[in-house]
Amino acid sequence: MSKFFLKKIVLLLTAMLMGIVLLSYQALPIAASQSPGQTAIAAIFPPVASPDGELSAGPAKLPPLPYDYAALGKAIDAETMKLHHDGHHASYVNNLNDALKEQPDLQKKSVEALLRDLNSVPENIRTKVRNNAGGHLNHTIFWEIMTPEGGGEPTGEIAAEINQTFGSFDQFKQQFNQAGSDRFGSGWVWLVRNSTGELQIVTTANQDNPIMNGAYPIMGNDVWEHAYYLRYRNRRGEYLNNWWGVVNWSEVNRRSQVSLQF
């Protein structure tokens, strides 16, 4: 009788082992297809520098201002615009190209891809790439979301979503300005679409971009002192208030629609 039960147990264990092997074999293709998860996410992340495409890093190029230096005079003076674009932004571009000059594989990537995967950048140039790729991307967005004909209240779908999320445009402005005022030192204040698809106000330090935290930047204001100090001195709050007079709501709406692909 004991031999009979022993044979039954052996057969049962054998069947269970075969079942485990088969299940493991069937699971392999699924696991393989899901293993490069970060790469897959990066591949479907919509363009950030512009709804039309990402920024090339091979080499990075300074985009022209879409208006004259004095065109945004309601909020930003001509001298600041010239120094900001021709000086600061140009330096980020030049420094990024210098950092990548001996990295042909990294030059094939977009600026956004570099920032989304900084761990792929050699440690000895990682900080330089982070700061200057971020500065290039942030300012490329910044010039486009301002226009001489801007200002007023938002229109279109972004207006409805701002009202729904923040209660009203006035409340949104207050929260946005407060976040910009509270950002200690240099950085940016942003309206983003976060990973759950919701609008959110966030700030980033230095030249970091929200994509580094998995969010899509819809609009952002530069609160580095070089963005306002010639005209406003230490009055950052005044700069933040006046900046609404040049916001390009058409471009913000367009970016918001692109962010829905995220």
Protein backbone atom coordinates (compact mmCIF):
# COMPACT_ATOMS: atom_id res chain seq x y z
CA MET A 1 0.00 0.00 0.00
CA SER A 2 2.83 2.41 0.85
CA LYS A 3 4.48 1.80 -2.53
CA PHE A 4 1.18 2.62 -4.24
CA PHE A 5 0.87 5.96 -2.43
CA LEU A 6 4.55 6.70 -3.03
CA LYS A 7 4.10 6.25 -6.79
CA LYS A 8 1.01 8.53 -6.68
CA ILE A 9 2.97 11.25 -4.87
CA VAL A 10 5.85 10.99 -7.34
CA LEU A 11 3.45 11.30 -10.28
CA LEU A 12 1.70 14.26 -8.68
CA LEU A 13 4.96 16.08 -7.99
CA THR A 14 6.15 15.39 -11.54
CA ALA A 15 2.94 16.83 -12.99
CA MET A 16 3.22 19.92 -10.81
CA LEU A 17 6.83 20.48 -11.85
CA MET A 18 5.93 20.14 -15.55
CA GLY A 19 3.12 22.65 -15.07
CA ILE A 20 5.48 25.18 -13.49
CA VAL A 21 7.98 24.75 -16.33
CA LEU A 22 5.27 25.28 -18.96
CA LEU A 23 3.91 28.37 -17.24
CA SER A 24 7.38 29.84 -16.93
CA TYR A 25 8.06 29.19 -20.60
CA GLN A 26 4.79 30.87 -21.64
CA ALA A 27 5.54 33.89 -19.46
CA LEU A 28 8.94 34.53 -21.02
CA PRO A 29 7.76 36.46 -24.12
CA ILE A 30 5.59 38.74 -21.94
CA ALA A 31 8.42 39.43 -19.51
CA ALA A 32 10.81 40.11 -22.38
CA SER A 33 8.45 42.59 -23.99
CA GLN A 34 7.93 44.47 -20.72
CA SER A 35 11.53 44.48 -19.51
CA PRO A 36 12.65 47.73 -21.22
CA GLY A 37 9.85 49.64 -19.49
CA GLN A 38 11.63 52.99 -19.33
CA THR A 39 12.53 52.83 -23.02
CA ALA A 40 8.93 52.12 -23.95
CA ILE A 41 7.69 55.08 -21.89
CA ALA A 42 10.27 57.37 -23.44
CA ALA A 43 9.26 56.24 -26.91
CA ILE A 44 5.65 57.33 -26.45
CA PHE A 45 6.39 60.57 -24.56
CA PRO A 46 5.11 63.36 -26.84
CA PRO A 47 7.52 66.02 -28.15
CA VAL A 48 8.35 68.60 -25.47
CA ALA A 49 10.47 71.38 -26.99
CA SER A 50 7.75 71.94 -29.55
CA PRO A 51 4.61 70.04 -30.49
CA ASP A 52 6.31 69.57 -33.86
CA GLY A 53 9.36 67.70 -32.63
CA GLU A 54 12.18 67.23 -30.12
CA LEU A 55 15.47 69.13 -29.89
CA SER A 56 18.49 67.62 -31.58
CA ALA A 57 21.65 67.16 -29.53
CA GLY A 58 23.90 66.56 -32.51
CA PRO A 59 24.65 69.42 -32.43
CA ALA A 60 22.34 71.56 -30.34
CA LYS A 61 21.43 74.85 -32.04
CA LEU A 62 20.19 78.15 -30.67
CA PRO A 63 16.69 78.84 -32.03
CA PRO A 64 16.00 82.41 -33.17
CA LEU A 65 13.65 84.54 -31.12
CA PRO A 66 10.20 84.58 -32.76
CA TYR A 67 9.94 88.38 -32.20
CA ASP A 68 12.15 91.45 -31.71
CA TYR A 69 14.01 91.99 -28.44
CA ALA A 70 11.69 94.87 -27.52
CA ALA A 71 8.46 93.15 -28.55
CA LEU A 72 7.57 91.93 -25.06
CA GLY A 73 8.00 95.37 -23.50
CA LYS A 74 4.78 95.02 -21.51
CA ALA A 75 6.66 92.61 -19.27
CA ILE A 76 10.31 92.24 -20.31
CA ASP A 77 12.68 94.96 -21.55
CA ALA A 78 14.75 94.66 -24.73
CA GLU A 79 18.13 94.56 -22.96
CA THR A 80 17.03 91.66 -20.76
CA MET A 81 15.69 89.75 -23.76
CA LYS A 82 18.95 90.23 -25.69
CA LEU A 83 21.12 89.11 -22.77
CA HIS A 84 18.76 86.26 -21.93
CA HIS A 85 18.61 84.83 -25.44
CA ASP A 86 21.98 85.76 -26.98
CA GLY A 87 23.92 85.31 -23.77
CA HIS A 88 22.38 82.81 -21.35
CA HIS A 89 20.55 80.54 -23.80
CA ALA A 90 23.46 80.57 -26.22
CA SER A 91 25.79 79.53 -23.39
CA TYR A 92 23.60 76.52 -22.56
CA VAL A 93 23.74 75.43 -26.21
CA ASN A 94 27.51 75.86 -26.45
CA ASN A 95 28.15 74.12 -23.13
CA LEU A 96 25.94 71.17 -24.10
CA ASN A 97 27.78 70.73 -27.38
CA ASP A 98 31.09 70.91 -25.52
CA ALA A 99 29.94 68.24 -23.05
CA LEU A 100 28.92 65.88 -25.86
CA LYS A 101 31.82 66.50 -28.26
CA GLU A 102 33.38 63.11 -27.51
CA GLN A 103 30.05 61.27 -27.15
CA PRO A 104 28.84 60.41 -30.68
CA ASP A 105 26.19 57.98 -29.37
CA LEU A 106 24.70 60.62 -27.08
CA GLN A 107 24.71 63.17 -29.92
CA LYS A 108 22.26 60.90 -31.74
CA LYS A 109 19.71 61.36 -28.97
CA SER A 110 17.32 64.25 -28.51
CA VAL A 111 17.81 66.72 -25.69
CA GLU A 112 14.60 65.41 -24.13
CA ALA A 113 15.83 61.81 -24.27
CA LEU A 114 19.05 62.80 -22.50
CA LEU A 115 17.12 64.45 -19.69
CA ARG A 116 14.69 61.54 -19.32
CA ASP A 117 17.57 59.10 -18.92
CA LEU A 118 20.47 60.93 -17.29
CA ASN A 119 21.82 57.62 -16.00
CA SER A 120 22.86 56.85 -19.59
CA VAL A 121 25.15 59.89 -19.52
CA PRO A 122 28.70 59.28 -18.19
CA GLU A 123 29.02 60.51 -14.64
CA ASN A 124 31.90 62.88 -15.40
CA ILE A 125 29.66 64.99 -17.72
CA ARG A 126 26.25 64.20 -16.24
CA THR A 127 25.84 67.43 -14.27
CA LYS A 128 27.00 69.53 -17.21
CA VAL A 129 24.52 67.80 -19.52
CA ARG A 130 21.73 68.08 -16.97
CA ASN A 131 22.21 71.82 -16.47
CA ASN A 132 22.78 72.79 -20.08
CA ALA A 133 20.38 70.41 -21.82
CA GLY A 134 17.77 71.58 -19.33
CA GLY A 135 18.59 75.23 -19.95
CA HIS A 136 18.35 74.72 -23.71
CA LEU A 137 15.01 72.91 -23.48
CA ASN A 138 13.46 75.26 -20.92
CA HIS A 139 14.30 78.40 -22.87
CA THR A 140 13.21 76.94 -26.20
CA ILE A 141 9.78 76.42 -24.64
CA PHE A 142 9.86 79.83 -22.92
CA TRP A 143 10.29 81.90 -26.09
CA GLU A 144 7.39 80.14 -27.79
CA ILE A 145 4.86 80.54 -24.98
CA MET A 146 5.21 84.33 -25.08
CA THR A 147 4.02 86.72 -27.78
CA PRO A 148 3.61 90.51 -28.18
CA GLU A 149 -0.10 89.93 -28.78
CA GLY A 150 -0.46 87.78 -25.68
CA GLY A 151 -2.08 88.25 -22.33
CA GLY A 152 -5.65 88.35 -21.20
CA GLU A 153 -7.50 85.29 -20.04
CA PRO A 154 -6.97 81.84 -21.56
CA THR A 155 -9.30 80.64 -24.26
CA GLY A 156 -10.24 77.25 -25.63
CA GLU A 157 -9.98 73.94 -23.85
CA ILE A 158 -7.16 74.98 -21.53
CA ALA A 159 -9.41 77.70 -20.10
CA ALA A 160 -12.11 75.19 -19.18
CA GLU A 161 -9.58 72.79 -17.68
CA ILE A 162 -7.91 75.53 -15.62
CA ASN A 163 -11.30 76.58 -14.24
CA GLN A 164 -12.20 72.99 -13.44
CA THR A 165 -8.86 72.22 -11.77
CA PHE A 166 -8.12 75.46 -9.92
CA GLY A 167 -11.59 77.00 -9.49
CA SER A 168 -10.98 80.03 -11.72
CA PHE A 169 -8.28 81.68 -13.79
CA ASP A 170 -7.66 84.22 -11.01
CA GLN A 171 -7.11 81.45 -8.48
CA PHE A 172 -4.79 79.67 -10.91
CA LYS A 173 -2.76 82.87 -11.41
CA GLN A 174 -2.49 83.42 -7.68
CA GLN A 175 -1.28 79.86 -7.07
CA PHE A 176 1.14 80.02 -10.01
CA ASN A 177 2.61 83.35 -8.88
CA GLN A 178 2.86 82.17 -5.29
CA ALA A 179 4.73 79.05 -6.34
CA GLY A 180 7.08 81.20 -8.44
CA SER A 181 7.66 83.59 -5.54
CA ASP A 182 8.30 80.72 -3.12
CA ARG A 183 10.87 79.03 -5.40
CA PHE A 184 14.06 79.68 -3.42
CA GLY A 185 17.01 80.76 -5.52
CA SER A 186 17.06 80.01 -9.23
CA GLY A 187 14.48 77.88 -10.98
CA TRP A 188 11.19 77.71 -12.85
CA VAL A 189 7.46 77.57 -12.11
CA TRP A 190 5.39 75.35 -14.40
CA LEU A 191 1.91 74.25 -15.33
CA VAL A 192 2.29 70.56 -16.15
CA ARG A 193 0.19 67.55 -16.94
CA ASN A 194 1.28 64.95 -14.45
CA SER A 195 1.51 61.19 -14.90
CA THR A 196 -2.14 60.75 -13.89
CA GLY A 197 -3.29 63.17 -16.60
CA GLU A 198 -4.12 66.08 -14.28
CA LEU A 199 -3.03 69.71 -14.44
CA GLN A 200 -0.62 70.65 -11.67
CA ILE A 201 1.56 73.61 -10.69
CA VAL A 202 5.14 72.60 -9.88
CA THR A 203 8.52 74.27 -9.54
CA THR A 204 11.95 72.99 -10.51
CA ALA A 205 15.39 74.05 -9.31
CA ASN A 206 18.03 75.54 -11.57
CA GLN A 207 17.44 74.34 -15.17
CA ASP A 208 15.66 71.07 -14.37
CA ASN A 209 12.65 70.31 -16.55
CA PRO A 210 9.45 68.54 -15.39
CA ILE A 211 10.04 65.65 -17.81
CA MET A 212 12.78 64.54 -15.43
CA ASN A 213 9.96 63.74 -12.99
CA GLY A 214 7.66 62.23 -15.60
CA ALA A 215 5.43 65.29 -16.15
CA TYR A 216 4.72 67.20 -19.37
CA PRO A 217 5.45 70.97 -19.23
CA ILE A 218 2.58 72.95 -20.74
CA MET A 219 3.80 76.42 -19.76
CA GLY A 220 6.56 77.77 -17.54
CA ASN A 221 8.02 81.01 -16.29
CA ASP A 222 11.72 81.56 -15.68
CA VAL A 223 12.38 82.90 -12.16
CA TRP A 224 16.16 83.07 -12.42
CA GLU A 225 17.28 86.62 -11.63
CA HIS A 226 18.71 87.01 -15.13
CA ALA A 227 15.12 86.82 -16.45
CA TYR A 228 13.97 89.99 -14.69
CA TYR A 229 16.68 91.73 -12.63
CA LEU A 230 17.62 94.58 -15.00
CA ARG A 231 14.08 95.95 -14.91
CA TYR A 232 12.61 94.65 -11.67
CA ARG A 233 15.69 94.33 -9.44
CA ASN A 234 14.59 92.11 -6.54
CA ARG A 235 10.85 92.55 -7.22
CA ARG A 236 10.17 89.05 -8.52
CA GLY A 237 6.47 89.30 -7.66
CA GLU A 238 6.04 92.32 -9.93
CA TYR A 239 7.72 90.47 -12.77
CA LEU A 240 5.45 87.44 -12.23
CA ASN A 241 2.35 89.65 -12.34
CA ASN A 242 3.40 91.51 -15.49
CA TRP A 243 4.41 88.31 -17.28
CA TRP A 244 0.76 87.34 -17.77
CA GLY A 245 0.50 90.21 -20.24
CA VAL A 246 2.64 88.35 -22.80
CA VAL A 247 1.47 84.72 -22.38
CA ASN A 248 0.75 83.08 -25.72
CA TRP A 249 -2.48 81.24 -24.91
CA SER A 250 -2.72 79.82 -28.42
CA GLU A 251 0.61 78.04 -27.95
CA VAL A 252 -0.30 76.99 -24.41
CA ASN A 253 -3.50 75.46 -25.76
CA ARG A 254 -1.55 73.63 -28.43
CA ARG A 255 0.91 72.25 -25.88
CA SER A 256 -1.97 71.19 -23.65
CA GLN A 257 -3.50 69.19 -26.47
CA VAL A 258 -0.17 67.50 -27.19
CA SER A 259 0.17 66.64 -23.49
CA LEU A 260 -3.04 64.62 -23.71
CA GLN A 261 -1.05 62.04 -25.72
CA PHE A 262 1.05 61.42 -22.61
